[in-house]
Protein backbone atom coordinates (compact mmCIF):
# COMPACT_ATOMS: atom_id res chain seq x y z
CA UNK A 1 -18.51 20.26 36.53
CA UNK A 2 -15.50 20.27 34.20
CA UNK A 3 -12.15 19.26 35.58
CA UNK A 4 -8.93 20.83 34.40
CA UNK A 5 -6.75 18.67 32.16
CA UNK A 6 -3.96 16.89 33.97
CA UNK A 7 -0.64 16.19 32.34
CA UNK A 8 1.86 13.49 33.08
CA UNK A 9 4.53 11.22 31.65
CA UNK A 10 4.94 7.47 31.26
CA UNK A 11 8.11 5.52 30.80
CA UNK A 12 7.49 3.01 27.97
CA UNK A 13 10.39 0.80 26.88
CA UNK A 14 12.92 3.41 28.05
CA UNK A 15 11.05 6.22 26.31
CA UNK A 16 9.28 9.06 28.08
CA UNK A 17 5.78 9.53 26.60
CA UNK A 18 3.69 12.52 27.60
CA UNK A 19 -0.02 12.23 28.20
CA UNK A 20 -2.96 14.53 29.01
CA UNK A 21 -6.10 13.40 30.82
CA UNK A 22 -9.22 15.37 29.87
CA UNK A 23 -12.40 14.32 31.64
CA UNK A 24 -12.39 10.53 31.37
CA UNK A 25 -10.09 10.36 28.32
CA UNK A 26 -6.32 9.89 28.17
CA UNK A 27 -4.42 11.26 25.19
CA UNK A 28 -0.81 10.23 24.51
CA UNK A 29 1.77 12.08 22.47
CA UNK A 30 2.34 10.37 19.11
CA UNK A 31 5.31 12.69 18.59
CA UNK A 32 7.02 11.30 21.66
CA UNK A 33 6.53 7.74 20.37
CA UNK A 34 7.68 8.70 16.84
CA UNK A 35 10.91 10.16 18.24
CA UNK A 36 12.06 6.60 18.93
CA UNK A 37 12.20 5.89 15.18
CA UNK A 38 13.31 9.35 14.01
CA UNK A 39 14.46 11.75 16.74
CA UNK A 40 15.16 14.55 14.24
CA UNK A 41 11.93 14.43 12.21
CA UNK A 42 9.19 12.63 14.21
CA UNK A 43 6.58 14.36 12.08
CA UNK A 44 7.59 12.17 9.14
CA UNK A 45 6.90 9.05 11.15
CA UNK A 46 3.46 10.39 12.16
CA UNK A 47 2.61 11.39 8.56
CA UNK A 48 3.48 7.92 7.31
CA UNK A 49 1.52 6.27 10.08
CA UNK A 50 -1.55 8.35 9.28
CA UNK A 51 -1.39 7.29 5.62
CA UNK A 52 -1.30 3.57 6.29
CA UNK A 53 -4.33 1.48 5.39
CA UNK A 54 -4.57 -0.10 8.85
CA UNK A 55 -4.54 3.29 10.56
CA UNK A 56 -7.26 4.62 8.27
CA UNK A 57 -9.28 1.45 8.88
CA UNK A 58 -8.93 1.99 12.65
CA UNK A 59 -9.90 5.65 12.44
CA UNK A 60 -12.92 4.84 10.28
CA UNK A 61 -14.12 2.18 12.77
CA UNK A 62 -13.52 4.51 15.73
CA UNK A 63 -15.58 7.27 14.04
CA UNK A 64 -18.34 4.81 13.16
CA UNK A 65 -18.59 3.70 16.79
CA UNK A 66 -18.21 7.12 18.45
CA UNK A 67 -19.53 9.70 15.99
CA UNK A 68 -23.25 9.58 15.15
CA UNK A 69 -22.67 12.19 12.39
CA UNK A 70 -19.96 10.13 10.68
CA UNK A 71 -20.35 9.91 6.94
CA UNK A 72 -19.05 6.43 6.11
CA UNK A 73 -19.51 6.72 2.33
CA UNK A 74 -17.47 9.91 2.19
CA UNK A 75 -14.82 8.39 4.40
CA UNK A 76 -14.53 5.26 2.20
CA UNK A 77 -13.99 7.49 -0.83
CA UNK A 78 -11.28 9.42 1.04
CA UNK A 79 -9.67 6.23 2.33
CA UNK A 80 -9.53 4.64 -1.10
CA UNK A 81 -8.04 7.78 -2.59
CA UNK A 82 -5.37 8.05 0.14
CA UNK A 83 -4.30 4.40 0.02
CA UNK A 84 -4.11 4.07 -3.74
CA UNK A 85 -1.78 7.02 -4.35
CA UNK A 86 1.77 6.06 -5.43
């Protein structure tokens, strides 16, 4: 039986961060966190974070662990292309 998603908020270092719980997973709002650095354009903070080498390494590892269909060779090519651009 599926349960309906529940939504809530956390107070983290004086910042309200929204979250949604779906089944057994909790999902936090990156936009809420990014607003601390740039309240007017949080999307720029998220875009920069997603381009960083450490973030791509984390996402690749997460996929490797959790996605049996993950294509590591294709991901490595993508990661190298994204992190070597000027």
